[in-house]
N, C-alpha and C. Protein backbone atom coordinates (compact mmCIF):
# COMPACT_ATOMS: atom_id res chain seq x y z
N MET A 1 77.31 -61.12 142.26
CA MET A 1 76.30 -61.76 143.01
C MET A 1 75.10 -62.05 142.04
N ILE A 2 74.34 -63.18 142.15
CA ILE A 2 73.27 -63.46 141.42
C ILE A 2 72.05 -62.49 141.40
N HIS A 3 71.93 -61.85 142.61
CA HIS A 3 70.82 -60.94 142.71
C HIS A 3 71.03 -59.73 141.86
N SER A 4 72.20 -59.32 141.68
CA SER A 4 72.52 -58.13 140.83
C SER A 4 72.12 -58.20 139.47
N LEU A 5 71.75 -59.51 138.87
CA LEU A 5 71.37 -59.78 137.53
C LEU A 5 69.90 -59.45 137.54
N PHE A 6 69.18 -59.39 138.53
CA PHE A 6 67.72 -59.10 138.41
C PHE A 6 67.54 -57.48 138.65
N LYS A 7 66.86 -56.92 137.59
CA LYS A 7 66.76 -55.60 137.60
C LYS A 7 65.46 -55.05 138.26
N SER A 8 64.42 -55.92 138.25
CA SER A 8 63.10 -55.39 138.76
C SER A 8 62.95 -55.60 140.23
N LYS A 9 62.24 -54.62 140.83
CA LYS A 9 62.07 -54.72 142.30
C LYS A 9 60.49 -54.95 142.44
N ILE A 10 60.15 -55.39 143.65
CA ILE A 10 58.76 -55.73 143.87
C ILE A 10 58.30 -54.90 145.10
N SER A 11 57.18 -54.32 144.88
CA SER A 11 56.70 -53.37 145.92
C SER A 11 55.82 -54.25 146.98
N ALA A 12 55.63 -53.39 148.13
CA ALA A 12 54.98 -54.07 149.20
C ALA A 12 53.41 -54.24 148.74
N GLN A 13 52.89 -53.37 147.78
CA GLN A 13 51.59 -53.38 147.44
C GLN A 13 51.20 -54.64 146.85
N GLU A 14 52.28 -55.27 146.21
CA GLU A 14 52.14 -56.65 145.45
C GLU A 14 51.87 -57.71 146.37
N GLN A 15 52.19 -57.64 147.55
CA GLN A 15 51.92 -58.69 148.56
C GLN A 15 50.42 -58.96 148.64
N GLY A 16 50.14 -60.36 148.49
CA GLY A 16 48.84 -60.72 148.62
C GLY A 16 48.18 -60.97 147.30
N SER A 17 48.86 -60.44 146.27
CA SER A 17 48.29 -60.71 144.84
C SER A 17 48.93 -62.04 144.31
N PRO A 18 48.48 -62.70 143.38
CA PRO A 18 49.11 -63.90 142.73
C PRO A 18 50.48 -63.75 142.47
N THR A 19 51.32 -64.64 142.66
CA THR A 19 52.75 -64.54 142.70
C THR A 19 53.14 -64.15 141.34
N LEU A 20 53.88 -63.10 141.05
CA LEU A 20 54.28 -62.55 139.96
C LEU A 20 55.81 -62.91 139.73
N LEU A 21 56.23 -63.13 138.52
CA LEU A 21 57.58 -63.55 138.01
C LEU A 21 58.26 -62.23 137.51
N HIS A 22 59.36 -61.86 137.95
CA HIS A 22 59.92 -60.66 137.49
C HIS A 22 61.35 -60.92 136.96
N GLY A 23 61.66 -60.03 135.92
CA GLY A 23 63.09 -60.14 135.49
C GLY A 23 63.46 -61.22 134.70
N PRO A 24 64.78 -61.22 134.18
CA PRO A 24 65.30 -62.25 133.28
C PRO A 24 65.52 -63.44 134.00
N LEU A 25 65.78 -64.50 133.19
CA LEU A 25 65.93 -65.81 133.64
C LEU A 25 67.56 -66.12 133.70
N VAL A 26 67.98 -66.47 135.00
CA VAL A 26 69.40 -66.51 135.18
C VAL A 26 69.80 -67.98 135.53
N ALA A 27 70.70 -68.49 134.73
CA ALA A 27 71.00 -69.84 134.82
C ALA A 27 72.00 -70.20 136.13
N ARG A 28 71.66 -71.24 136.78
CA ARG A 28 72.39 -71.76 137.87
C ARG A 28 72.62 -73.25 137.61
N HIS A 29 73.84 -73.63 137.77
CA HIS A 29 74.22 -75.19 137.72
C HIS A 29 73.67 -75.83 138.97
N SER A 30 73.10 -77.03 138.77
CA SER A 30 72.44 -77.65 139.78
C SER A 30 72.80 -79.22 139.57
N SER A 31 73.66 -79.75 140.56
CA SER A 31 74.01 -81.19 140.50
C SER A 31 72.65 -81.97 140.98
N GLY A 32 71.83 -81.35 141.80
CA GLY A 32 70.79 -82.15 142.18
C GLY A 32 69.89 -82.28 141.06
N TRP A 33 69.59 -81.22 140.26
CA TRP A 33 68.72 -81.17 139.25
C TRP A 33 69.23 -82.14 138.11
N ALA A 34 70.51 -82.21 137.90
CA ALA A 34 71.04 -83.07 136.84
C ALA A 34 70.79 -84.57 137.26
N SER A 35 70.75 -84.80 138.58
CA SER A 35 70.43 -86.27 139.07
C SER A 35 68.96 -86.56 138.98
N MET A 36 68.18 -85.52 139.22
CA MET A 36 66.75 -85.76 139.08
C MET A 36 66.31 -85.87 137.53
N LEU A 37 67.06 -85.10 136.63
CA LEU A 37 66.69 -85.18 135.31
C LEU A 37 66.98 -86.62 134.76
N GLU A 38 68.06 -87.11 135.25
CA GLU A 38 68.51 -88.48 134.90
C GLU A 38 67.37 -89.47 135.22
N HIS A 39 66.78 -89.22 136.53
CA HIS A 39 65.76 -90.07 137.00
C HIS A 39 64.62 -89.96 136.16
N LEU A 40 64.19 -88.74 135.80
CA LEU A 40 63.00 -88.55 135.10
C LEU A 40 63.07 -89.07 133.67
N LYS A 41 64.43 -89.09 133.03
CA LYS A 41 64.60 -89.76 131.80
C LYS A 41 64.70 -91.31 131.71
N ALA A 42 64.97 -91.69 132.94
CA ALA A 42 65.07 -93.30 133.04
C ALA A 42 63.73 -93.97 133.34
N ASN A 43 62.73 -93.11 133.75
CA ASN A 43 61.39 -93.72 134.02
C ASN A 43 60.31 -92.92 133.19
N SER A 44 59.07 -93.62 133.08
CA SER A 44 57.98 -93.05 132.40
C SER A 44 56.73 -92.87 133.22
N THR A 45 56.01 -92.09 132.74
CA THR A 45 54.77 -91.66 133.34
C THR A 45 54.71 -91.59 134.88
N LEU A 46 55.79 -90.69 135.26
CA LEU A 46 55.75 -90.38 136.68
C LEU A 46 54.77 -89.28 137.02
N ARG A 47 54.26 -89.22 138.24
CA ARG A 47 53.54 -88.01 138.67
C ARG A 47 54.44 -87.16 139.39
N VAL A 48 54.57 -85.93 139.01
CA VAL A 48 55.46 -84.89 139.54
C VAL A 48 54.58 -83.86 140.24
N LEU A 49 55.14 -83.43 141.32
CA LEU A 49 54.51 -82.29 142.18
C LEU A 49 55.56 -81.22 142.19
N ASP A 50 55.38 -80.17 141.52
CA ASP A 50 56.31 -79.01 141.30
C ASP A 50 55.73 -77.89 142.23
N ILE A 51 56.51 -77.47 143.19
CA ILE A 51 56.06 -76.42 144.36
C ILE A 51 56.63 -75.05 143.88
N GLY A 52 55.61 -74.13 143.72
CA GLY A 52 56.05 -72.89 143.36
C GLY A 52 54.99 -72.19 142.53
N PRO A 53 55.27 -70.89 142.10
CA PRO A 53 54.15 -70.38 141.13
C PRO A 53 54.18 -71.21 139.75
N THR A 54 52.96 -70.99 139.32
CA THR A 54 52.83 -71.79 138.08
C THR A 54 53.84 -71.41 137.06
N SER A 55 54.39 -72.50 136.42
CA SER A 55 55.43 -72.25 135.41
C SER A 55 54.88 -73.01 134.14
N PRO A 56 54.41 -72.54 133.09
CA PRO A 56 54.12 -73.20 131.88
C PRO A 56 55.37 -73.85 131.19
N ASN A 57 56.52 -73.31 131.45
CA ASN A 57 57.72 -73.95 130.95
C ASN A 57 57.79 -75.29 131.52
N ASN A 58 57.81 -75.39 133.03
CA ASN A 58 57.84 -76.54 133.52
C ASN A 58 56.79 -77.76 133.31
N ILE A 59 55.57 -77.18 133.15
CA ILE A 59 54.44 -78.08 132.67
C ILE A 59 54.78 -78.65 131.42
N ASN A 60 55.11 -77.82 130.34
CA ASN A 60 55.37 -78.39 129.07
C ASN A 60 56.56 -79.22 129.02
N PHE A 61 57.65 -78.94 129.77
CA PHE A 61 58.75 -79.78 129.87
C PHE A 61 58.56 -81.16 130.36
N LEU A 62 57.86 -81.24 131.52
CA LEU A 62 57.51 -82.53 132.05
C LEU A 62 56.58 -83.30 131.42
N THR A 63 55.49 -82.72 130.93
CA THR A 63 54.57 -83.34 130.11
C THR A 63 55.12 -83.76 128.76
N GLY A 64 56.12 -83.01 128.19
CA GLY A 64 56.76 -83.55 126.95
C GLY A 64 57.64 -84.73 127.27
N MET A 65 58.07 -84.99 128.54
CA MET A 65 58.79 -86.24 128.80
C MET A 65 57.88 -87.43 129.07
N GLY A 66 56.64 -87.14 129.09
CA GLY A 66 55.55 -88.19 129.33
C GLY A 66 55.13 -88.44 130.78
N HIS A 67 55.51 -87.32 131.61
CA HIS A 67 55.08 -87.41 132.88
C HIS A 67 53.74 -86.52 133.07
N SER A 68 53.17 -86.55 134.20
CA SER A 68 52.06 -85.70 134.62
C SER A 68 52.51 -84.80 135.72
N VAL A 69 52.01 -83.58 135.72
CA VAL A 69 52.53 -82.73 136.79
C VAL A 69 51.33 -81.91 137.40
N CYS A 70 51.44 -81.76 138.68
CA CYS A 70 50.61 -80.82 139.53
C CYS A 70 51.54 -79.74 140.26
N MET A 71 50.90 -78.54 140.44
CA MET A 71 51.61 -77.47 140.95
C MET A 71 50.96 -76.87 142.17
N THR A 72 51.56 -76.34 143.09
CA THR A 72 51.07 -75.71 144.30
C THR A 72 51.93 -74.67 144.84
N ASP A 73 51.62 -73.47 145.18
CA ASP A 73 52.49 -72.44 145.54
C ASP A 73 52.36 -72.27 147.08
N LEU A 74 53.18 -73.20 147.84
CA LEU A 74 52.98 -73.26 149.36
C LEU A 74 53.44 -72.04 150.09
N VAL A 75 54.45 -71.21 149.49
CA VAL A 75 54.91 -70.09 150.24
C VAL A 75 53.83 -68.93 150.07
N GLN A 76 53.48 -68.76 148.89
CA GLN A 76 52.50 -67.69 148.62
C GLN A 76 51.24 -67.89 149.45
N GLU A 77 50.80 -69.11 149.35
CA GLU A 77 49.54 -69.29 150.12
C GLU A 77 49.64 -69.10 151.58
N ALA A 78 50.83 -69.70 152.11
CA ALA A 78 50.90 -69.51 153.47
C ALA A 78 51.01 -68.14 153.90
N LEU A 79 51.81 -67.20 153.29
CA LEU A 79 52.00 -65.90 153.72
C LEU A 79 50.87 -64.83 153.42
N THR A 80 50.11 -65.27 152.41
CA THR A 80 48.99 -64.34 151.87
C THR A 80 47.50 -64.92 152.12
N GLY A 81 47.59 -66.34 152.37
CA GLY A 81 46.14 -66.78 152.55
C GLY A 81 45.43 -66.61 153.90
N ASN A 82 44.26 -66.97 154.16
CA ASN A 82 43.58 -66.94 155.40
C ASN A 82 43.83 -68.04 156.26
N TYR A 83 44.98 -68.31 156.68
CA TYR A 83 45.25 -69.46 157.54
C TYR A 83 45.80 -69.02 158.88
N ARG A 84 46.00 -67.77 159.16
CA ARG A 84 46.27 -67.22 160.49
C ARG A 84 45.17 -67.15 161.39
N LEU A 85 45.31 -67.77 162.61
CA LEU A 85 44.27 -67.55 163.56
C LEU A 85 44.30 -66.28 164.34
N PRO A 86 43.15 -65.73 164.67
CA PRO A 86 43.25 -64.45 165.60
C PRO A 86 43.83 -64.80 166.97
N VAL A 87 44.57 -63.76 167.31
CA VAL A 87 45.19 -63.87 168.77
C VAL A 87 43.98 -63.74 169.82
N PRO A 88 44.03 -64.68 170.86
CA PRO A 88 42.95 -64.54 171.83
C PRO A 88 43.01 -63.20 172.52
N GLU A 89 41.78 -62.85 172.85
CA GLU A 89 41.66 -61.50 173.56
C GLU A 89 42.35 -61.45 174.81
N GLY A 90 43.18 -60.45 175.02
CA GLY A 90 43.97 -60.42 176.23
C GLY A 90 45.43 -61.01 176.00
N ASP A 91 45.76 -61.61 175.01
CA ASP A 91 47.05 -62.23 174.88
C ASP A 91 47.76 -61.45 173.64
N SER A 92 47.97 -60.23 173.71
CA SER A 92 48.38 -59.26 172.76
C SER A 92 49.80 -59.56 172.33
N LEU A 93 50.48 -60.18 173.17
CA LEU A 93 52.04 -60.52 172.95
C LEU A 93 52.16 -61.81 172.35
N GLU A 94 51.17 -62.46 172.31
CA GLU A 94 51.27 -63.97 171.78
C GLU A 94 51.14 -63.84 170.18
N GLU A 95 52.02 -64.70 169.49
CA GLU A 95 51.99 -64.58 168.05
C GLU A 95 50.70 -65.34 167.55
N PRO A 96 50.11 -64.94 166.52
CA PRO A 96 49.08 -65.64 165.92
C PRO A 96 49.23 -67.18 165.60
N GLY A 97 48.31 -68.07 165.65
CA GLY A 97 48.46 -69.49 165.53
C GLY A 97 48.13 -69.57 163.98
N TRP A 98 47.93 -70.91 163.60
CA TRP A 98 47.77 -71.26 162.15
C TRP A 98 46.73 -72.38 161.98
N ASP A 99 45.79 -72.29 161.20
CA ASP A 99 44.85 -73.34 160.73
C ASP A 99 45.59 -74.28 159.98
N ILE A 100 46.44 -75.09 160.59
CA ILE A 100 47.28 -76.06 159.88
C ILE A 100 46.57 -77.02 158.82
N GLU A 101 45.64 -77.53 159.42
CA GLU A 101 44.82 -78.58 158.72
C GLU A 101 44.13 -78.03 157.45
N SER A 102 43.52 -76.80 157.58
CA SER A 102 43.10 -76.14 156.48
C SER A 102 43.99 -75.76 155.45
N TYR A 103 45.21 -75.39 155.86
CA TYR A 103 46.23 -75.12 154.93
C TYR A 103 46.79 -76.36 154.23
N LEU A 104 46.87 -77.36 154.78
CA LEU A 104 47.24 -78.60 154.30
C LEU A 104 46.28 -79.33 153.29
N ASN A 105 45.01 -79.15 153.70
CA ASN A 105 43.92 -79.79 152.93
C ASN A 105 43.72 -78.82 151.67
N GLN A 106 43.88 -77.65 151.73
CA GLN A 106 43.70 -76.79 150.59
C GLN A 106 44.85 -76.80 149.60
N ASN A 107 46.19 -77.08 149.93
CA ASN A 107 47.27 -76.97 149.24
C ASN A 107 48.00 -78.25 148.94
N LEU A 108 47.73 -79.30 149.76
CA LEU A 108 48.48 -80.65 149.52
C LEU A 108 47.44 -81.68 149.64
N ASP A 109 46.32 -81.72 149.11
CA ASP A 109 45.42 -82.81 149.04
C ASP A 109 45.39 -83.49 147.82
N PHE A 110 45.02 -83.05 146.64
CA PHE A 110 45.10 -83.41 145.35
C PHE A 110 44.17 -84.56 145.19
N SER A 111 43.21 -84.70 145.80
CA SER A 111 42.04 -85.63 145.70
C SER A 111 42.45 -87.08 145.77
N GLY A 112 43.41 -87.22 146.71
CA GLY A 112 43.97 -88.61 146.76
C GLY A 112 45.01 -88.96 146.05
N ARG A 113 45.63 -88.34 145.04
CA ARG A 113 46.64 -88.65 144.16
C ARG A 113 47.97 -88.63 144.93
N THR A 114 48.78 -89.51 144.54
CA THR A 114 50.18 -89.40 145.17
C THR A 114 51.25 -89.31 144.12
N PHE A 115 52.47 -89.03 144.57
CA PHE A 115 53.52 -88.58 143.58
C PHE A 115 54.67 -89.37 143.67
N ASP A 116 55.45 -89.54 142.49
CA ASP A 116 56.64 -90.04 142.38
C ASP A 116 57.90 -89.12 142.43
N VAL A 117 57.67 -88.00 142.26
CA VAL A 117 58.70 -86.89 142.25
C VAL A 117 58.10 -85.50 142.92
N VAL A 118 58.81 -84.88 143.75
CA VAL A 118 58.55 -83.75 144.37
C VAL A 118 59.68 -82.77 144.08
N LEU A 119 59.25 -81.72 143.58
CA LEU A 119 60.49 -80.53 143.32
C LEU A 119 60.11 -79.45 144.42
N LEU A 120 60.62 -79.68 145.50
CA LEU A 120 60.23 -78.67 146.68
C LEU A 120 61.12 -77.23 146.61
N TRP A 121 62.28 -77.35 145.96
CA TRP A 121 63.02 -76.10 145.89
C TRP A 121 63.46 -75.52 147.23
N THR A 122 63.38 -74.22 147.46
CA THR A 122 63.66 -73.63 148.75
C THR A 122 62.49 -73.26 149.56
N THR A 123 61.48 -74.02 149.36
CA THR A 123 60.21 -73.65 150.00
C THR A 123 60.29 -73.73 151.56
N LEU A 124 61.05 -74.58 152.10
CA LEU A 124 61.00 -74.71 153.51
C LEU A 124 61.73 -73.59 154.22
N ASP A 125 62.69 -73.08 153.48
CA ASP A 125 63.54 -71.76 154.00
C ASP A 125 62.39 -70.63 154.28
N TYR A 126 61.37 -70.50 153.45
CA TYR A 126 60.40 -69.41 153.47
C TYR A 126 59.07 -69.68 154.30
N LEU A 127 58.75 -70.94 154.58
CA LEU A 127 57.62 -71.20 155.20
C LEU A 127 57.64 -70.70 156.60
N PRO A 128 56.47 -70.22 157.20
CA PRO A 128 56.39 -70.04 158.65
C PRO A 128 56.86 -71.33 159.40
N ARG A 129 57.53 -71.22 160.48
CA ARG A 129 58.17 -72.33 161.18
C ARG A 129 57.05 -73.33 161.65
N THR A 130 55.90 -72.92 162.03
CA THR A 130 54.97 -73.82 162.58
C THR A 130 54.45 -74.72 161.26
N LEU A 131 54.59 -74.36 160.21
CA LEU A 131 54.11 -75.22 158.97
C LEU A 131 55.21 -76.22 158.32
N VAL A 132 56.46 -75.98 158.78
CA VAL A 132 57.35 -76.92 158.22
C VAL A 132 57.21 -78.42 158.49
N VAL A 133 57.09 -78.70 159.80
CA VAL A 133 56.93 -80.16 159.95
C VAL A 133 55.62 -80.74 159.43
N PRO A 134 54.50 -80.04 159.61
CA PRO A 134 53.25 -80.62 158.88
C PRO A 134 53.44 -80.63 157.40
N VAL A 135 54.05 -79.77 156.79
CA VAL A 135 54.21 -79.92 155.30
C VAL A 135 55.08 -81.16 155.06
N VAL A 136 56.23 -81.29 155.70
CA VAL A 136 57.05 -82.56 155.46
C VAL A 136 56.32 -83.78 155.73
N GLU A 137 55.43 -83.79 156.82
CA GLU A 137 54.75 -85.14 157.16
C GLU A 137 53.53 -85.21 156.01
N ARG A 138 52.93 -84.17 155.57
CA ARG A 138 51.93 -84.40 154.61
C ARG A 138 52.39 -84.87 153.29
N LEU A 139 53.54 -84.45 152.93
CA LEU A 139 54.33 -84.85 151.63
C LEU A 139 54.70 -86.34 151.71
N PHE A 140 54.94 -86.83 152.84
CA PHE A 140 55.29 -88.15 153.02
C PHE A 140 54.04 -89.03 152.74
N THR A 141 52.89 -88.63 153.19
CA THR A 141 51.66 -89.34 152.81
C THR A 141 51.27 -89.23 151.49
N ARG A 142 51.74 -88.24 150.69
CA ARG A 142 51.27 -87.95 149.38
C ARG A 142 52.24 -88.34 148.28
N THR A 143 53.41 -89.10 148.75
CA THR A 143 54.26 -89.69 147.92
C THR A 143 54.40 -91.16 147.93
N ASN A 144 54.68 -91.77 146.86
CA ASN A 144 54.78 -93.15 146.82
C ASN A 144 56.31 -93.69 147.27
N PRO A 145 56.31 -94.92 147.96
CA PRO A 145 57.54 -95.43 148.35
C PRO A 145 58.54 -95.42 147.21
N GLY A 146 59.74 -94.94 147.55
CA GLY A 146 60.85 -94.81 146.41
C GLY A 146 60.81 -93.46 145.75
N ALA A 147 59.84 -92.63 146.06
CA ALA A 147 59.70 -91.23 145.57
C ALA A 147 61.06 -90.37 145.78
N LYS A 148 61.25 -89.61 144.78
CA LYS A 148 62.40 -88.59 144.94
C LYS A 148 61.95 -87.15 145.12
N LEU A 149 62.58 -86.60 146.21
CA LEU A 149 62.31 -85.19 146.48
C LEU A 149 63.45 -84.35 146.37
N LEU A 150 63.44 -83.33 145.63
CA LEU A 150 64.69 -82.48 145.38
C LEU A 150 64.39 -81.06 146.12
N MET A 151 65.35 -80.75 146.91
CA MET A 151 65.11 -79.52 147.69
C MET A 151 66.39 -78.70 147.83
N LEU A 152 66.15 -77.46 147.80
CA LEU A 152 67.44 -76.52 148.02
C LEU A 152 67.22 -75.78 149.32
N PHE A 153 68.46 -75.42 149.98
CA PHE A 153 68.55 -74.82 151.13
C PHE A 153 69.56 -73.74 151.14
N HIS A 154 69.23 -72.54 151.79
CA HIS A 154 70.06 -71.45 151.85
C HIS A 154 71.10 -71.65 153.01
N SER A 155 72.33 -71.37 152.90
CA SER A 155 73.19 -71.44 154.07
C SER A 155 73.53 -70.11 154.68
N ARG A 156 73.04 -69.00 154.12
CA ARG A 156 72.99 -67.66 154.65
C ARG A 156 71.58 -67.16 154.46
N ASN A 157 71.37 -66.12 155.43
CA ASN A 157 69.98 -65.46 155.14
C ASN A 157 70.03 -63.92 154.79
N LYS A 158 71.26 -63.52 154.72
CA LYS A 158 71.46 -61.98 154.32
C LYS A 158 72.32 -61.74 153.18
N ALA A 159 72.67 -62.75 152.45
CA ALA A 159 73.46 -62.57 151.18
C ALA A 159 72.52 -62.13 150.07
N GLU A 160 73.08 -61.58 149.01
CA GLU A 160 72.37 -60.95 147.96
C GLU A 160 71.61 -62.01 147.15
N ASP A 161 72.01 -63.22 147.26
CA ASP A 161 71.30 -64.39 146.41
C ASP A 161 70.37 -65.11 147.23
N THR A 162 69.63 -64.48 148.19
CA THR A 162 68.69 -65.18 149.05
C THR A 162 67.24 -64.80 148.67
N PHE A 163 67.06 -64.20 147.57
CA PHE A 163 65.76 -63.80 147.10
C PHE A 163 64.85 -65.05 146.84
N PHE A 164 63.59 -64.93 147.05
CA PHE A 164 62.55 -65.96 146.62
C PHE A 164 62.45 -65.99 145.12
N CYS A 165 62.68 -67.11 144.61
CA CYS A 165 62.65 -67.15 143.21
C CYS A 165 61.87 -68.54 142.68
N ARG A 166 61.54 -68.41 141.38
CA ARG A 166 60.98 -69.69 140.68
C ARG A 166 62.17 -70.41 139.97
N TYR A 167 62.16 -71.60 139.97
CA TYR A 167 63.03 -72.41 139.30
C TYR A 167 62.49 -72.91 137.95
N HIS A 168 62.98 -72.72 136.91
CA HIS A 168 62.49 -73.28 135.60
C HIS A 168 63.36 -74.44 135.08
N LEU A 169 62.84 -75.38 134.60
CA LEU A 169 63.59 -76.63 134.27
C LEU A 169 64.23 -76.55 132.89
N THR A 170 65.32 -77.21 132.69
CA THR A 170 65.89 -77.24 131.39
C THR A 170 66.30 -78.68 131.21
N ASP A 171 66.82 -78.98 129.84
CA ASP A 171 67.26 -80.32 129.67
C ASP A 171 68.87 -80.44 129.63
N SER A 172 69.18 -79.95 130.79
CA SER A 172 70.67 -79.90 131.10
C SER A 172 70.86 -79.75 132.62
N SER A 173 72.04 -79.69 133.11
CA SER A 173 72.31 -79.52 134.50
C SER A 173 72.14 -78.10 134.96
N GLU A 174 71.44 -77.22 134.20
CA GLU A 174 71.32 -75.97 134.63
C GLU A 174 69.75 -75.66 134.97
N LEU A 175 69.53 -74.95 136.01
CA LEU A 175 68.07 -74.37 136.32
C LEU A 175 68.11 -72.97 135.91
N LEU A 176 66.90 -72.46 135.47
CA LEU A 176 66.81 -71.00 135.26
C LEU A 176 66.01 -70.40 136.41
N MET A 177 66.71 -69.49 137.08
CA MET A 177 65.96 -68.78 138.04
C MET A 177 65.48 -67.49 137.74
N GLN A 178 64.26 -67.15 138.38
CA GLN A 178 63.45 -65.91 138.06
C GLN A 178 62.89 -65.39 139.41
N GLU A 179 63.19 -64.22 139.54
CA GLU A 179 62.66 -63.52 140.90
C GLU A 179 61.25 -63.46 140.90
N THR A 180 60.70 -63.60 142.14
CA THR A 180 59.30 -63.51 142.50
C THR A 180 59.00 -62.52 143.56
N THR A 181 58.02 -62.69 144.24
CA THR A 181 57.75 -61.77 145.33
C THR A 181 58.96 -61.79 146.37
N ASN A 182 59.39 -60.69 147.02
CA ASN A 182 60.52 -60.53 147.84
C ASN A 182 60.29 -61.05 149.14
N TYR A 183 59.90 -62.20 149.36
CA TYR A 183 59.75 -62.65 150.85
C TYR A 183 61.07 -63.06 151.46
N PRO A 184 61.17 -62.79 152.77
CA PRO A 184 62.47 -62.81 153.48
C PRO A 184 62.53 -64.52 153.87
N ILE A 185 63.81 -64.84 154.03
CA ILE A 185 64.00 -66.22 154.64
C ILE A 185 63.59 -66.28 156.06
N VAL A 186 62.91 -67.29 156.36
CA VAL A 186 62.33 -67.38 157.81
C VAL A 186 63.29 -68.18 158.77
N GLN A 187 63.99 -69.21 158.08
CA GLN A 187 64.90 -70.07 158.97
C GLN A 187 65.88 -70.64 158.08
N LEU A 188 67.03 -71.07 158.52
CA LEU A 188 68.09 -71.80 157.94
C LEU A 188 68.07 -73.21 158.49
N PHE A 189 68.45 -74.22 157.64
CA PHE A 189 68.44 -75.57 158.03
C PHE A 189 70.00 -76.09 158.05
N SER A 190 70.38 -76.60 159.06
CA SER A 190 71.89 -77.19 159.15
C SER A 190 71.58 -78.75 158.52
N ASN A 191 72.66 -79.30 158.05
CA ASN A 191 72.61 -80.58 157.62
C ASN A 191 71.91 -81.59 158.54
N ARG A 192 72.30 -81.43 159.76
CA ARG A 192 71.70 -82.23 160.90
C ARG A 192 70.22 -81.92 161.05
N ALA A 193 69.74 -80.63 160.88
CA ALA A 193 68.34 -80.54 161.04
C ALA A 193 67.65 -81.00 159.92
N ILE A 194 68.12 -81.28 158.69
CA ILE A 194 67.42 -81.81 157.58
C ILE A 194 67.41 -83.29 157.82
N GLU A 195 68.54 -83.78 158.26
CA GLU A 195 68.49 -85.25 158.47
C GLU A 195 67.39 -85.66 159.58
N LYS A 196 67.32 -84.79 160.54
CA LYS A 196 66.19 -85.06 161.60
C LYS A 196 64.87 -84.80 161.03
N LEU A 197 64.68 -83.83 160.16
CA LEU A 197 63.40 -83.55 159.68
C LEU A 197 62.83 -84.66 158.82
N TYR A 198 63.87 -85.36 158.08
CA TYR A 198 63.43 -86.44 157.27
C TYR A 198 64.00 -87.81 157.68
N GLU A 199 64.06 -87.91 158.93
CA GLU A 199 64.57 -89.17 159.54
C GLU A 199 63.73 -90.36 159.32
N TYR A 200 62.49 -90.19 159.00
CA TYR A 200 61.61 -91.44 158.73
C TYR A 200 61.53 -91.67 157.24
N TYR A 201 62.25 -90.83 156.40
CA TYR A 201 62.27 -91.16 154.94
C TYR A 201 63.36 -92.20 154.70
N ASP A 202 63.45 -92.77 153.63
CA ASP A 202 64.44 -93.77 153.40
C ASP A 202 65.81 -93.39 153.20
N GLY A 203 66.21 -92.21 152.66
CA GLY A 203 67.63 -91.81 152.62
C GLY A 203 67.75 -90.51 151.95
N TYR A 204 68.97 -90.01 152.04
CA TYR A 204 69.10 -88.78 151.43
C TYR A 204 70.63 -88.59 150.78
N ARG A 205 70.73 -87.59 149.92
CA ARG A 205 72.05 -87.44 149.39
C ARG A 205 72.27 -85.86 149.34
N PHE A 206 73.39 -85.33 149.92
CA PHE A 206 73.64 -83.91 149.72
C PHE A 206 74.58 -83.63 148.57
N TYR A 207 74.24 -82.45 148.01
CA TYR A 207 75.18 -82.03 146.82
C TYR A 207 75.87 -80.73 147.26
N LEU A 208 77.04 -80.52 146.84
CA LEU A 208 77.84 -79.43 147.15
C LEU A 208 77.56 -78.41 146.12
N ALA A 209 77.54 -77.04 146.36
CA ALA A 209 77.38 -75.98 145.48
C ALA A 209 78.18 -74.77 145.73
N LYS A 210 78.58 -74.03 144.74
CA LYS A 210 79.46 -73.02 144.95
C LYS A 210 78.90 -71.78 145.58
N ASP A 211 77.60 -71.53 145.45
CA ASP A 211 76.86 -70.40 145.98
C ASP A 211 76.30 -70.63 147.39
N ASN A 212 75.56 -69.78 147.82
CA ASN A 212 74.95 -69.85 149.11
C ASN A 212 73.74 -70.89 149.26
N VAL A 213 73.67 -71.80 148.29
CA VAL A 213 72.43 -72.53 148.13
C VAL A 213 73.05 -74.05 148.05
N TYR A 214 72.64 -74.89 148.97
CA TYR A 214 72.94 -76.34 148.79
C TYR A 214 71.80 -77.23 148.56
N GLU A 215 71.93 -78.39 148.04
CA GLU A 215 70.84 -79.09 147.43
C GLU A 215 70.89 -80.51 148.15
N VAL A 216 69.74 -81.06 148.21
CA VAL A 216 69.41 -82.35 148.87
C VAL A 216 68.47 -83.21 148.20
N MET A 217 68.89 -84.39 147.78
CA MET A 217 67.82 -85.40 147.23
C MET A 217 67.43 -86.26 148.27
N ILE A 218 66.11 -86.30 148.75
CA ILE A 218 65.53 -87.40 149.62
C ILE A 218 64.76 -88.41 148.86
N THR A 219 64.99 -89.60 149.42
CA THR A 219 64.25 -90.72 148.90
C THR A 219 63.19 -91.19 149.86
N ARG A 220 61.98 -91.28 149.48
CA ARG A 220 60.70 -91.69 150.27
C ARG A 220 60.92 -93.19 150.75
């Protein structure tokens, strides 16, 4: 299993601190990334939004190809930021709500810039359920027509390779995975759920994978 290749563990005390990357880089074949890499090479001066902890490797890789890049760590911000609303007095059994607009404005605004490529990775598996649809809708308004969005989804939530990780880019069909904060998967998405979630986008393509992660390329 992939997870057995990662030696370091992450303590509960690290929750709330800036996302840390732990352990070695582990290669994973990605048909979705191979397709996205071809797209990046065939076009120039694209604006790329890379979701996840800051990766100097990804910044250098994308800017070296002539593209510009922005990064935002949606999962870390959602789970450690101050976006939870207090439970109303007397409703102790009710789950806290979320200040969705503040979360979106702080993490998906970019001063009016729009993007041609979004590398979403496994973000939606780990986001609180309440934030999934608003994030998908906000990304629609922050991407240009024809933009490509690459995302990965887990098919199981208890397998050893369901750790939250950072994906580093390579000039091949492989991604380099690196373990980060040990967040649990919040939800799994079926193919039908993904199609419904992105039904107002222009199209999608599913890629088969040998592990417990499958890949989807969405066209805006």
